[in-house]
Amino acid sequence: GKGRCLRKDYDSSHYLHLNSADFSI
């Protein structure tokens, strides 16, 4: 909780998304 997440490799295709199988909005 003391920093923000960011990609190790900026040119990759990994995102900060919640998995719909585990979360409901």
mmCIF file of all heavy atoms, coordinates in Angstrom:
data_MODEL
# 
_entry.id   MODEL 
# 
loop_
_atom_site.group_PDB 
_atom_site.id 
_atom_site.type_symbol 
_atom_site.label_atom_id 
_atom_site.label_alt_id 
_atom_site.label_comp_id 
_atom_site.label_asym_id 
_atom_site.label_entity_id 
_atom_site.label_seq_id 
_atom_site.pdbx_PDB_ins_code 
_atom_site.Cartn_x 
_atom_site.Cartn_y 
_atom_site.Cartn_z 
_atom_site.occupancy 
_atom_site.B_iso_or_equiv 
_atom_site.pdbx_formal_charge 
_atom_site.auth_seq_id 
_atom_site.auth_comp_id 
_atom_site.auth_asym_id 
_atom_site.auth_atom_id 
_atom_site.pdbx_PDB_model_num 
ATOM 1   N N   . GLY A 1 1  ? 0.797   -1.216  0.000   1.00 0.00 ? 1  GLY A N   1 
ATOM 2   C CA  . GLY A 1 1  ? 0.000   0.000   0.000   1.00 0.00 ? 1  GLY A CA  1 
ATOM 3   C C   . GLY A 1 1  ? 0.829   1.265   0.000   1.00 0.00 ? 1  GLY A C   1 
ATOM 4   O O   . GLY A 1 1  ? 0.297   2.372   0.149   1.00 0.00 ? 1  GLY A O   1 
ATOM 5   N N   . LYS A 1 2  ? 2.135   1.134   -0.226  1.00 0.00 ? 2  LYS A N   1 
ATOM 6   C CA  . LYS A 1 2  ? 3.045   2.280   -0.148  1.00 0.00 ? 2  LYS A CA  1 
ATOM 7   C C   . LYS A 1 2  ? 3.641   2.641   -1.503  1.00 0.00 ? 2  LYS A C   1 
ATOM 8   O O   . LYS A 1 2  ? 4.609   3.399   -1.585  1.00 0.00 ? 2  LYS A O   1 
ATOM 9   C CB  . LYS A 1 2  ? 4.171   1.987   0.841   1.00 0.00 ? 2  LYS A CB  1 
ATOM 10  C CG  . LYS A 1 2  ? 3.679   1.779   2.269   1.00 0.00 ? 2  LYS A CG  1 
ATOM 11  C CD  . LYS A 1 2  ? 4.829   1.447   3.199   1.00 0.00 ? 2  LYS A CD  1 
ATOM 12  C CE  . LYS A 1 2  ? 4.342   1.223   4.620   1.00 0.00 ? 2  LYS A CE  1 
ATOM 13  N NZ  . LYS A 1 2  ? 5.472   0.867   5.531   1.00 0.00 ? 2  LYS A NZ  1 
ATOM 14  N N   . GLY A 1 3  ? 3.067   2.095   -2.557  1.00 0.00 ? 3  GLY A N   1 
ATOM 15  C CA  . GLY A 1 3  ? 3.543   2.390   -3.904  1.00 0.00 ? 3  GLY A CA  1 
ATOM 16  C C   . GLY A 1 3  ? 2.532   1.890   -4.910  1.00 0.00 ? 3  GLY A C   1 
ATOM 17  O O   . GLY A 1 3  ? 1.542   1.243   -4.550  1.00 0.00 ? 3  GLY A O   1 
ATOM 18  N N   . ARG A 1 4  ? 2.776   2.204   -6.182  1.00 0.00 ? 4  ARG A N   1 
ATOM 19  C CA  . ARG A 1 4  ? 1.886   1.718   -7.237  1.00 0.00 ? 4  ARG A CA  1 
ATOM 20  C C   . ARG A 1 4  ? 2.597   0.682   -8.094  1.00 0.00 ? 4  ARG A C   1 
ATOM 21  O O   . ARG A 1 4  ? 3.827   0.703   -8.242  1.00 0.00 ? 4  ARG A O   1 
ATOM 22  C CB  . ARG A 1 4  ? 1.371   2.863   -8.105  1.00 0.00 ? 4  ARG A CB  1 
ATOM 23  C CG  . ARG A 1 4  ? 2.390   3.607   -8.915  1.00 0.00 ? 4  ARG A CG  1 
ATOM 24  C CD  . ARG A 1 4  ? 1.709   4.532   -9.942  1.00 0.00 ? 4  ARG A CD  1 
ATOM 25  N NE  . ARG A 1 4  ? 0.680   5.365   -9.360  1.00 0.00 ? 4  ARG A NE  1 
ATOM 26  C CZ  . ARG A 1 4  ? 0.879   6.579   -8.856  1.00 0.00 ? 4  ARG A CZ  1 
ATOM 27  N NH1 . ARG A 1 4  ? 2.100   7.083   -8.852  1.00 0.00 ? 4  ARG A NH1 1 
ATOM 28  N NH2 . ARG A 1 4  ? -0.115  7.279   -8.370  1.00 0.00 ? 4  ARG A NH2 1 
ATOM 29  N N   . CYS A 1 5  ? 1.818   -0.243  -8.638  1.00 0.00 ? 5  CYS A N   1 
ATOM 30  C CA  . CYS A 1 5  ? 2.364   -1.283  -9.499  1.00 0.00 ? 5  CYS A CA  1 
ATOM 31  C C   . CYS A 1 5  ? 2.574   -0.741  -10.907 1.00 0.00 ? 5  CYS A C   1 
ATOM 32  O O   . CYS A 1 5  ? 1.739   0.020   -11.413 1.00 0.00 ? 5  CYS A O   1 
ATOM 33  C CB  . CYS A 1 5  ? 1.412   -2.474  -9.556  1.00 0.00 ? 5  CYS A CB  1 
ATOM 34  S SG  . CYS A 1 5  ? 1.177   -3.313  -7.972  1.00 0.00 ? 5  CYS A SG  1 
ATOM 35  N N   . LEU A 1 6  ? 3.664   -1.125  -11.536 1.00 0.00 ? 6  LEU A N   1 
ATOM 36  C CA  . LEU A 1 6  ? 3.876   -0.809  -12.943 1.00 0.00 ? 6  LEU A CA  1 
ATOM 37  C C   . LEU A 1 6  ? 4.672   -1.922  -13.585 1.00 0.00 ? 6  LEU A C   1 
ATOM 38  O O   . LEU A 1 6  ? 5.384   -2.669  -12.912 1.00 0.00 ? 6  LEU A O   1 
ATOM 39  C CB  . LEU A 1 6  ? 4.552   0.549   -13.134 1.00 0.00 ? 6  LEU A CB  1 
ATOM 40  C CG  . LEU A 1 6  ? 6.030   0.718   -12.770 1.00 0.00 ? 6  LEU A CG  1 
ATOM 41  C CD1 . LEU A 1 6  ? 6.572   1.966   -13.438 1.00 0.00 ? 6  LEU A CD1 1 
ATOM 42  C CD2 . LEU A 1 6  ? 6.231   0.824   -11.270 1.00 0.00 ? 6  LEU A CD2 1 
ATOM 43  N N   . ARG A 1 7  ? 4.507   -2.048  -14.893 1.00 0.00 ? 7  ARG A N   1 
ATOM 44  C CA  . ARG A 1 7  ? 5.143   -3.135  -15.627 1.00 0.00 ? 7  ARG A CA  1 
ATOM 45  C C   . ARG A 1 7  ? 6.665   -3.113  -15.482 1.00 0.00 ? 7  ARG A C   1 
ATOM 46  O O   . ARG A 1 7  ? 7.288   -2.054  -15.537 1.00 0.00 ? 7  ARG A O   1 
ATOM 47  C CB  . ARG A 1 7  ? 4.820   -3.016  -17.112 1.00 0.00 ? 7  ARG A CB  1 
ATOM 48  C CG  . ARG A 1 7  ? 3.435   -3.437  -17.506 1.00 0.00 ? 7  ARG A CG  1 
ATOM 49  C CD  . ARG A 1 7  ? 3.289   -3.262  -19.009 1.00 0.00 ? 7  ARG A CD  1 
ATOM 50  N NE  . ARG A 1 7  ? 1.932   -3.514  -19.464 1.00 0.00 ? 7  ARG A NE  1 
ATOM 51  C CZ  . ARG A 1 7  ? 1.368   -2.880  -20.463 1.00 0.00 ? 7  ARG A CZ  1 
ATOM 52  N NH1 . ARG A 1 7  ? 2.044   -1.953  -21.130 1.00 0.00 ? 7  ARG A NH1 1 
ATOM 53  N NH2 . ARG A 1 7  ? 0.131   -3.180  -20.828 1.00 0.00 ? 7  ARG A NH2 1 
ATOM 54  N N   . LYS A 1 8  ? 7.224   -4.303  -15.390 1.00 0.00 ? 8  LYS A N   1 
ATOM 55  C CA  . LYS A 1 8  ? 8.680   -4.406  -15.450 1.00 0.00 ? 8  LYS A CA  1 
ATOM 56  C C   . LYS A 1 8  ? 9.165   -4.102  -16.865 1.00 0.00 ? 8  LYS A C   1 
ATOM 57  O O   . LYS A 1 8  ? 10.163  -3.415  -17.059 1.00 0.00 ? 8  LYS A O   1 
ATOM 58  C CB  . LYS A 1 8  ? 9.120   -5.811  -15.035 1.00 0.00 ? 8  LYS A CB  1 
ATOM 59  C CG  . LYS A 1 8  ? 8.870   -6.136  -13.577 1.00 0.00 ? 8  LYS A CG  1 
ATOM 60  C CD  . LYS A 1 8  ? 9.307   -7.559  -13.274 1.00 0.00 ? 8  LYS A CD  1 
ATOM 61  C CE  . LYS A 1 8  ? 9.038   -7.922  -11.839 1.00 0.00 ? 8  LYS A CE  1 
ATOM 62  N NZ  . LYS A 1 8  ? 9.415   -9.327  -11.541 1.00 0.00 ? 8  LYS A NZ  1 
ATOM 63  N N   . ASP A 1 9  ? 8.466   -4.651  -17.847 1.00 0.00 ? 9  ASP A N   1 
ATOM 64  C CA  . ASP A 1 9  ? 8.771   -4.398  -19.251 1.00 0.00 ? 9  ASP A CA  1 
ATOM 65  C C   . ASP A 1 9  ? 7.631   -3.565  -19.822 1.00 0.00 ? 9  ASP A C   1 
ATOM 66  O O   . ASP A 1 9  ? 6.527   -4.069  -20.009 1.00 0.00 ? 9  ASP A O   1 
ATOM 67  C CB  . ASP A 1 9  ? 8.905   -5.715  -20.009 1.00 0.00 ? 9  ASP A CB  1 
ATOM 68  C CG  . ASP A 1 9  ? 9.110   -5.528  -21.510 1.00 0.00 ? 9  ASP A CG  1 
ATOM 69  O OD1 . ASP A 1 9  ? 9.288   -4.374  -21.952 1.00 0.00 ? 9  ASP A OD1 1 
ATOM 70  O OD2 . ASP A 1 9  ? 9.072   -6.541  -22.244 1.00 0.00 ? 9  ASP A OD2 1 
ATOM 71  N N   . TYR A 1 10 ? 7.909   -2.299  -20.097 1.00 0.00 ? 10 TYR A N   1 
ATOM 72  C CA  . TYR A 1 10 ? 6.834   -1.415  -20.517 1.00 0.00 ? 10 TYR A CA  1 
ATOM 73  C C   . TYR A 1 10 ? 6.177   -1.892  -21.804 1.00 0.00 ? 10 TYR A C   1 
ATOM 74  O O   . TYR A 1 10 ? 4.991   -1.632  -22.042 1.00 0.00 ? 10 TYR A O   1 
ATOM 75  C CB  . TYR A 1 10 ? 7.353   0.023   -20.678 1.00 0.00 ? 10 TYR A CB  1 
ATOM 76  C CG  . TYR A 1 10 ? 7.754   0.401   -22.088 1.00 0.00 ? 10 TYR A CG  1 
ATOM 77  C CD1 . TYR A 1 10 ? 6.837   0.981   -22.958 1.00 0.00 ? 10 TYR A CD1 1 
ATOM 78  C CD2 . TYR A 1 10 ? 9.048   0.173   -22.563 1.00 0.00 ? 10 TYR A CD2 1 
ATOM 79  C CE1 . TYR A 1 10 ? 7.197   1.330   -24.253 1.00 0.00 ? 10 TYR A CE1 1 
ATOM 80  C CE2 . TYR A 1 10 ? 9.410   0.512   -23.846 1.00 0.00 ? 10 TYR A CE2 1 
ATOM 81  C CZ  . TYR A 1 10 ? 8.482   1.092   -24.691 1.00 0.00 ? 10 TYR A CZ  1 
ATOM 82  O OH  . TYR A 1 10 ? 8.829   1.430   -25.973 1.00 0.00 ? 10 TYR A OH  1 
ATOM 83  N N   . ASP A 1 11 ? 6.925   -2.615  -22.641 1.00 0.00 ? 11 ASP A N   1 
ATOM 84  C CA  . ASP A 1 11 ? 6.426   -3.012  -23.957 1.00 0.00 ? 11 ASP A CA  1 
ATOM 85  C C   . ASP A 1 11 ? 5.779   -4.398  -23.946 1.00 0.00 ? 11 ASP A C   1 
ATOM 86  O O   . ASP A 1 11 ? 5.630   -5.021  -24.996 1.00 0.00 ? 11 ASP A O   1 
ATOM 87  C CB  . ASP A 1 11 ? 7.558   -2.970  -24.974 1.00 0.00 ? 11 ASP A CB  1 
ATOM 88  C CG  . ASP A 1 11 ? 7.068   -2.638  -26.382 1.00 0.00 ? 11 ASP A CG  1 
ATOM 89  O OD1 . ASP A 1 11 ? 5.917   -2.190  -26.523 1.00 0.00 ? 11 ASP A OD1 1 
ATOM 90  O OD2 . ASP A 1 11 ? 7.841   -2.831  -27.339 1.00 0.00 ? 11 ASP A OD2 1 
ATOM 91  N N   . SER A 1 12 ? 5.373   -4.856  -22.770 1.00 0.00 ? 12 SER A N   1 
ATOM 92  C CA  . SER A 1 12 ? 4.670   -6.135  -22.679 1.00 0.00 ? 12 SER A CA  1 
ATOM 93  C C   . SER A 1 12 ? 3.167   -5.882  -22.715 1.00 0.00 ? 12 SER A C   1 
ATOM 94  O O   . SER A 1 12 ? 2.719   -4.734  -22.766 1.00 0.00 ? 12 SER A O   1 
ATOM 95  C CB  . SER A 1 12 ? 5.050   -6.871  -21.394 1.00 0.00 ? 12 SER A CB  1 
ATOM 96  O OG  . SER A 1 12 ? 4.486   -6.224  -20.264 1.00 0.00 ? 12 SER A OG  1 
ATOM 97  N N   . SER A 1 13 ? 2.389   -6.922  -22.665 1.00 0.00 ? 13 SER A N   1 
ATOM 98  C CA  . SER A 1 13 ? 0.932   -6.790  -22.740 1.00 0.00 ? 13 SER A CA  1 
ATOM 99  C C   . SER A 1 13 ? 0.261   -7.359  -21.495 1.00 0.00 ? 13 SER A C   1 
ATOM 100 O O   . SER A 1 13 ? -0.723  -8.089  -21.577 1.00 0.00 ? 13 SER A O   1 
ATOM 101 C CB  . SER A 1 13 ? 0.403   -7.491  -23.993 1.00 0.00 ? 13 SER A CB  1 
ATOM 102 O OG  . SER A 1 13 ? 0.898   -6.858  -25.160 1.00 0.00 ? 13 SER A OG  1 
ATOM 103 N N   . HIS A 1 14 ? 0.792   -7.025  -20.338 1.00 0.00 ? 14 HIS A N   1 
ATOM 104 C CA  . HIS A 1 14 ? 0.220   -7.457  -19.069 1.00 0.00 ? 14 HIS A CA  1 
ATOM 105 C C   . HIS A 1 14 ? -0.500  -6.278  -18.428 1.00 0.00 ? 14 HIS A C   1 
ATOM 106 O O   . HIS A 1 14 ? 0.024   -5.159  -18.400 1.00 0.00 ? 14 HIS A O   1 
ATOM 107 C CB  . HIS A 1 14 ? 1.306   -8.004  -18.150 1.00 0.00 ? 14 HIS A CB  1 
ATOM 108 C CG  . HIS A 1 14 ? 2.008   -9.200  -18.725 1.00 0.00 ? 14 HIS A CG  1 
ATOM 109 N ND1 . HIS A 1 14 ? 1.457   -10.463 -18.699 1.00 0.00 ? 14 HIS A ND1 1 
ATOM 110 C CD2 . HIS A 1 14 ? 3.188   -9.312  -19.382 1.00 0.00 ? 14 HIS A CD2 1 
ATOM 111 C CE1 . HIS A 1 14 ? 2.271   -11.313 -19.296 1.00 0.00 ? 14 HIS A CE1 1 
ATOM 112 N NE2 . HIS A 1 14 ? 3.336   -10.642 -19.725 1.00 0.00 ? 14 HIS A NE2 1 
ATOM 113 N N   . TYR A 1 15 ? -1.682  -6.531  -17.912 1.00 0.00 ? 15 TYR A N   1 
ATOM 114 C CA  . TYR A 1 15 ? -2.546  -5.460  -17.414 1.00 0.00 ? 15 TYR A CA  1 
ATOM 115 C C   . TYR A 1 15 ? -2.952  -5.694  -15.973 1.00 0.00 ? 15 TYR A C   1 
ATOM 116 O O   . TYR A 1 15 ? -2.901  -6.824  -15.463 1.00 0.00 ? 15 TYR A O   1 
ATOM 117 C CB  . TYR A 1 15 ? -3.799  -5.346  -18.288 1.00 0.00 ? 15 TYR A CB  1 
ATOM 118 C CG  . TYR A 1 15 ? -3.506  -4.918  -19.704 1.00 0.00 ? 15 TYR A CG  1 
ATOM 119 C CD1 . TYR A 1 15 ? -3.373  -5.864  -20.717 1.00 0.00 ? 15 TYR A CD1 1 
ATOM 120 C CD2 . TYR A 1 15 ? -3.330  -3.574  -20.027 1.00 0.00 ? 15 TYR A CD2 1 
ATOM 121 C CE1 . TYR A 1 15 ? -3.082  -5.479  -22.023 1.00 0.00 ? 15 TYR A CE1 1 
ATOM 122 C CE2 . TYR A 1 15 ? -3.042  -3.181  -21.314 1.00 0.00 ? 15 TYR A CE2 1 
ATOM 123 C CZ  . TYR A 1 15 ? -2.921  -4.131  -22.314 1.00 0.00 ? 15 TYR A CZ  1 
ATOM 124 O OH  . TYR A 1 15 ? -2.627  -3.736  -23.599 1.00 0.00 ? 15 TYR A OH  1 
ATOM 125 N N   . LEU A 1 16 ? -3.366  -4.614  -15.336 1.00 0.00 ? 16 LEU A N   1 
ATOM 126 C CA  . LEU A 1 16 ? -3.941  -4.667  -13.998 1.00 0.00 ? 16 LEU A CA  1 
ATOM 127 C C   . LEU A 1 16 ? -5.450  -4.816  -14.148 1.00 0.00 ? 16 LEU A C   1 
ATOM 128 O O   . LEU A 1 16 ? -6.187  -3.833  -14.236 1.00 0.00 ? 16 LEU A O   1 
ATOM 129 C CB  . LEU A 1 16 ? -3.583  -3.402  -13.222 1.00 0.00 ? 16 LEU A CB  1 
ATOM 130 C CG  . LEU A 1 16 ? -2.091  -3.217  -12.917 1.00 0.00 ? 16 LEU A CG  1 
ATOM 131 C CD1 . LEU A 1 16 ? -1.823  -1.834  -12.330 1.00 0.00 ? 16 LEU A CD1 1 
ATOM 132 C CD2 . LEU A 1 16 ? -1.580  -4.311  -11.984 1.00 0.00 ? 16 LEU A CD2 1 
ATOM 133 N N   . HIS A 1 17 ? -5.897  -6.053  -14.197 1.00 0.00 ? 17 HIS A N   1 
ATOM 134 C CA  . HIS A 1 17 ? -7.312  -6.361  -14.333 1.00 0.00 ? 17 HIS A CA  1 
ATOM 135 C C   . HIS A 1 17 ? -7.721  -7.356  -13.257 1.00 0.00 ? 17 HIS A C   1 
ATOM 136 O O   . HIS A 1 17 ? -6.939  -8.234  -12.876 1.00 0.00 ? 17 HIS A O   1 
ATOM 137 C CB  . HIS A 1 17 ? -7.608  -6.981  -15.707 1.00 0.00 ? 17 HIS A CB  1 
ATOM 138 C CG  . HIS A 1 17 ? -7.508  -6.021  -16.840 1.00 0.00 ? 17 HIS A CG  1 
ATOM 139 N ND1 . HIS A 1 17 ? -7.289  -6.426  -18.150 1.00 0.00 ? 17 HIS A ND1 1 
ATOM 140 C CD2 . HIS A 1 17 ? -7.603  -4.665  -16.882 1.00 0.00 ? 17 HIS A CD2 1 
ATOM 141 C CE1 . HIS A 1 17 ? -7.246  -5.366  -18.936 1.00 0.00 ? 17 HIS A CE1 1 
ATOM 142 N NE2 . HIS A 1 17 ? -7.433  -4.289  -18.190 1.00 0.00 ? 17 HIS A NE2 1 
ATOM 143 N N   . LEU A 1 18 ? -8.938  -7.219  -12.767 1.00 0.00 ? 18 LEU A N   1 
ATOM 144 C CA  . LEU A 1 18 ? -9.509  -8.221  -11.877 1.00 0.00 ? 18 LEU A CA  1 
ATOM 145 C C   . LEU A 1 18 ? -10.052 -9.369  -12.720 1.00 0.00 ? 18 LEU A C   1 
ATOM 146 O O   . LEU A 1 18 ? -10.707 -9.141  -13.744 1.00 0.00 ? 18 LEU A O   1 
ATOM 147 C CB  . LEU A 1 18 ? -10.632 -7.621  -11.036 1.00 0.00 ? 18 LEU A CB  1 
ATOM 148 C CG  . LEU A 1 18 ? -10.272 -6.476  -10.081 1.00 0.00 ? 18 LEU A CG  1 
ATOM 149 C CD1 . LEU A 1 18 ? -11.519 -6.002  -9.356  1.00 0.00 ? 18 LEU A CD1 1 
ATOM 150 C CD2 . LEU A 1 18 ? -9.197  -6.901  -9.091  1.00 0.00 ? 18 LEU A CD2 1 
ATOM 151 N N   . ASN A 1 19 ? -9.795  -10.576 -12.271 1.00 0.00 ? 19 ASN A N   1 
ATOM 152 C CA  . ASN A 1 19 ? -10.290 -11.758 -12.952 1.00 0.00 ? 19 ASN A CA  1 
ATOM 153 C C   . ASN A 1 19 ? -11.788 -11.905 -12.685 1.00 0.00 ? 19 ASN A C   1 
ATOM 154 O O   . ASN A 1 19 ? -12.219 -11.986 -11.533 1.00 0.00 ? 19 ASN A O   1 
ATOM 155 C CB  . ASN A 1 19 ? -9.537  -12.995 -12.451 1.00 0.00 ? 19 ASN A CB  1 
ATOM 156 C CG  . ASN A 1 19 ? -9.813  -14.224 -13.284 1.00 0.00 ? 19 ASN A CG  1 
ATOM 157 O OD1 . ASN A 1 19 ? -10.882 -14.372 -13.869 1.00 0.00 ? 19 ASN A OD1 1 
ATOM 158 N ND2 . ASN A 1 19 ? -8.835  -15.123 -13.336 1.00 0.00 ? 19 ASN A ND2 1 
ATOM 159 N N   . SER A 1 20 ? -12.578 -11.931 -13.746 1.00 0.00 ? 20 SER A N   1 
ATOM 160 C CA  . SER A 1 20 ? -14.036 -12.014 -13.597 1.00 0.00 ? 20 SER A CA  1 
ATOM 161 C C   . SER A 1 20 ? -14.470 -13.318 -12.943 1.00 0.00 ? 20 SER A C   1 
ATOM 162 O O   . SER A 1 20 ? -15.582 -13.408 -12.408 1.00 0.00 ? 20 SER A O   1 
ATOM 163 C CB  . SER A 1 20 ? -14.719 -11.861 -14.958 1.00 0.00 ? 20 SER A CB  1 
ATOM 164 O OG  . SER A 1 20 ? -14.295 -12.885 -15.850 1.00 0.00 ? 20 SER A OG  1 
ATOM 165 N N   . ALA A 1 21 ? -13.620 -14.327 -12.962 1.00 0.00 ? 21 ALA A N   1 
ATOM 166 C CA  . ALA A 1 21 ? -13.958 -15.592 -12.310 1.00 0.00 ? 21 ALA A CA  1 
ATOM 167 C C   . ALA A 1 21 ? -13.885 -15.481 -10.793 1.00 0.00 ? 21 ALA A C   1 
ATOM 168 O O   . ALA A 1 21 ? -14.513 -16.267 -10.069 1.00 0.00 ? 21 ALA A O   1 
ATOM 169 C CB  . ALA A 1 21 ? -13.019 -16.698 -12.792 1.00 0.00 ? 21 ALA A CB  1 
ATOM 170 N N   . ASP A 1 22 ? -13.127 -14.497 -10.298 1.00 0.00 ? 22 ASP A N   1 
ATOM 171 C CA  . ASP A 1 22 ? -12.919 -14.355 -8.859  1.00 0.00 ? 22 ASP A CA  1 
ATOM 172 C C   . ASP A 1 22 ? -13.573 -13.116 -8.262  1.00 0.00 ? 22 ASP A C   1 
ATOM 173 O O   . ASP A 1 22 ? -13.693 -13.013 -7.037  1.00 0.00 ? 22 ASP A O   1 
ATOM 174 C CB  . ASP A 1 22 ? -11.404 -14.297 -8.558  1.00 0.00 ? 22 ASP A CB  1 
ATOM 175 C CG  . ASP A 1 22 ? -10.662 -15.524 -9.049  1.00 0.00 ? 22 ASP A CG  1 
ATOM 176 O OD1 . ASP A 1 22 ? -11.190 -16.630 -8.870  1.00 0.00 ? 22 ASP A OD1 1 
ATOM 177 O OD2 . ASP A 1 22 ? -9.572  -15.366 -9.623  1.00 0.00 ? 22 ASP A OD2 1 
ATOM 178 N N   . PHE A 1 23 ? -13.967 -12.170 -9.117  1.00 0.00 ? 23 PHE A N   1 
ATOM 179 C CA  . PHE A 1 23 ? -14.487 -10.899 -8.617  1.00 0.00 ? 23 PHE A CA  1 
ATOM 180 C C   . PHE A 1 23 ? -15.821 -10.564 -9.270  1.00 0.00 ? 23 PHE A C   1 
ATOM 181 O O   . PHE A 1 23 ? -16.083 -10.922 -10.417 1.00 0.00 ? 23 PHE A O   1 
ATOM 182 C CB  . PHE A 1 23 ? -13.501 -9.760  -8.892  1.00 0.00 ? 23 PHE A CB  1 
ATOM 183 C CG  . PHE A 1 23 ? -12.312 -9.749  -7.988  1.00 0.00 ? 23 PHE A CG  1 
ATOM 184 C CD1 . PHE A 1 23 ? -11.182 -10.478 -8.307  1.00 0.00 ? 23 PHE A CD1 1 
ATOM 185 C CD2 . PHE A 1 23 ? -12.318 -9.021  -6.810  1.00 0.00 ? 23 PHE A CD2 1 
ATOM 186 C CE1 . PHE A 1 23 ? -10.089 -10.497 -7.473  1.00 0.00 ? 23 PHE A CE1 1 
ATOM 187 C CE2 . PHE A 1 23 ? -11.222 -9.024  -5.966  1.00 0.00 ? 23 PHE A CE2 1 
ATOM 188 C CZ  . PHE A 1 23 ? -10.104 -9.758  -6.297  1.00 0.00 ? 23 PHE A CZ  1 
ATOM 189 N N   . SER A 1 24 ? -16.621 -9.847  -8.528  1.00 0.00 ? 24 SER A N   1 
ATOM 190 C CA  . SER A 1 24 ? -17.855 -9.293  -9.071  1.00 0.00 ? 24 SER A CA  1 
ATOM 191 C C   . SER A 1 24 ? -17.848 -7.795  -8.831  1.00 0.00 ? 24 SER A C   1 
ATOM 192 O O   . SER A 1 24 ? -17.313 -7.309  -7.830  1.00 0.00 ? 24 SER A O   1 
ATOM 193 C CB  . SER A 1 24 ? -19.089 -9.920  -8.410  1.00 0.00 ? 24 SER A CB  1 
ATOM 194 O OG  . SER A 1 24 ? -19.115 -9.634  -7.022  1.00 0.00 ? 24 SER A OG  1 
ATOM 195 N N   . ILE A 1 25 ? -18.407 -7.054  -9.788  1.00 0.00 ? 25 ILE A N   1 
ATOM 196 C CA  . ILE A 1 25 ? -18.517 -5.598  -9.680  1.00 0.00 ? 25 ILE A CA  1 
ATOM 197 C C   . ILE A 1 25 ? -19.998 -5.257  -9.654  1.00 0.00 ? 25 ILE A C   1 
ATOM 198 O O   . ILE A 1 25 ? -20.736 -5.586  -10.580 1.00 0.00 ? 25 ILE A O   1 
ATOM 199 C CB  . ILE A 1 25 ? -17.807 -4.902  -10.849 1.00 0.00 ? 25 ILE A CB  1 
ATOM 200 C CG1 . ILE A 1 25 ? -16.298 -5.175  -10.782 1.00 0.00 ? 25 ILE A CG1 1 
ATOM 201 C CG2 . ILE A 1 25 ? -18.070 -3.399  -10.826 1.00 0.00 ? 25 ILE A CG2 1 
ATOM 202 C CD1 . ILE A 1 25 ? -15.532 -4.672  -11.990 1.00 0.00 ? 25 ILE A CD1 1 
# 
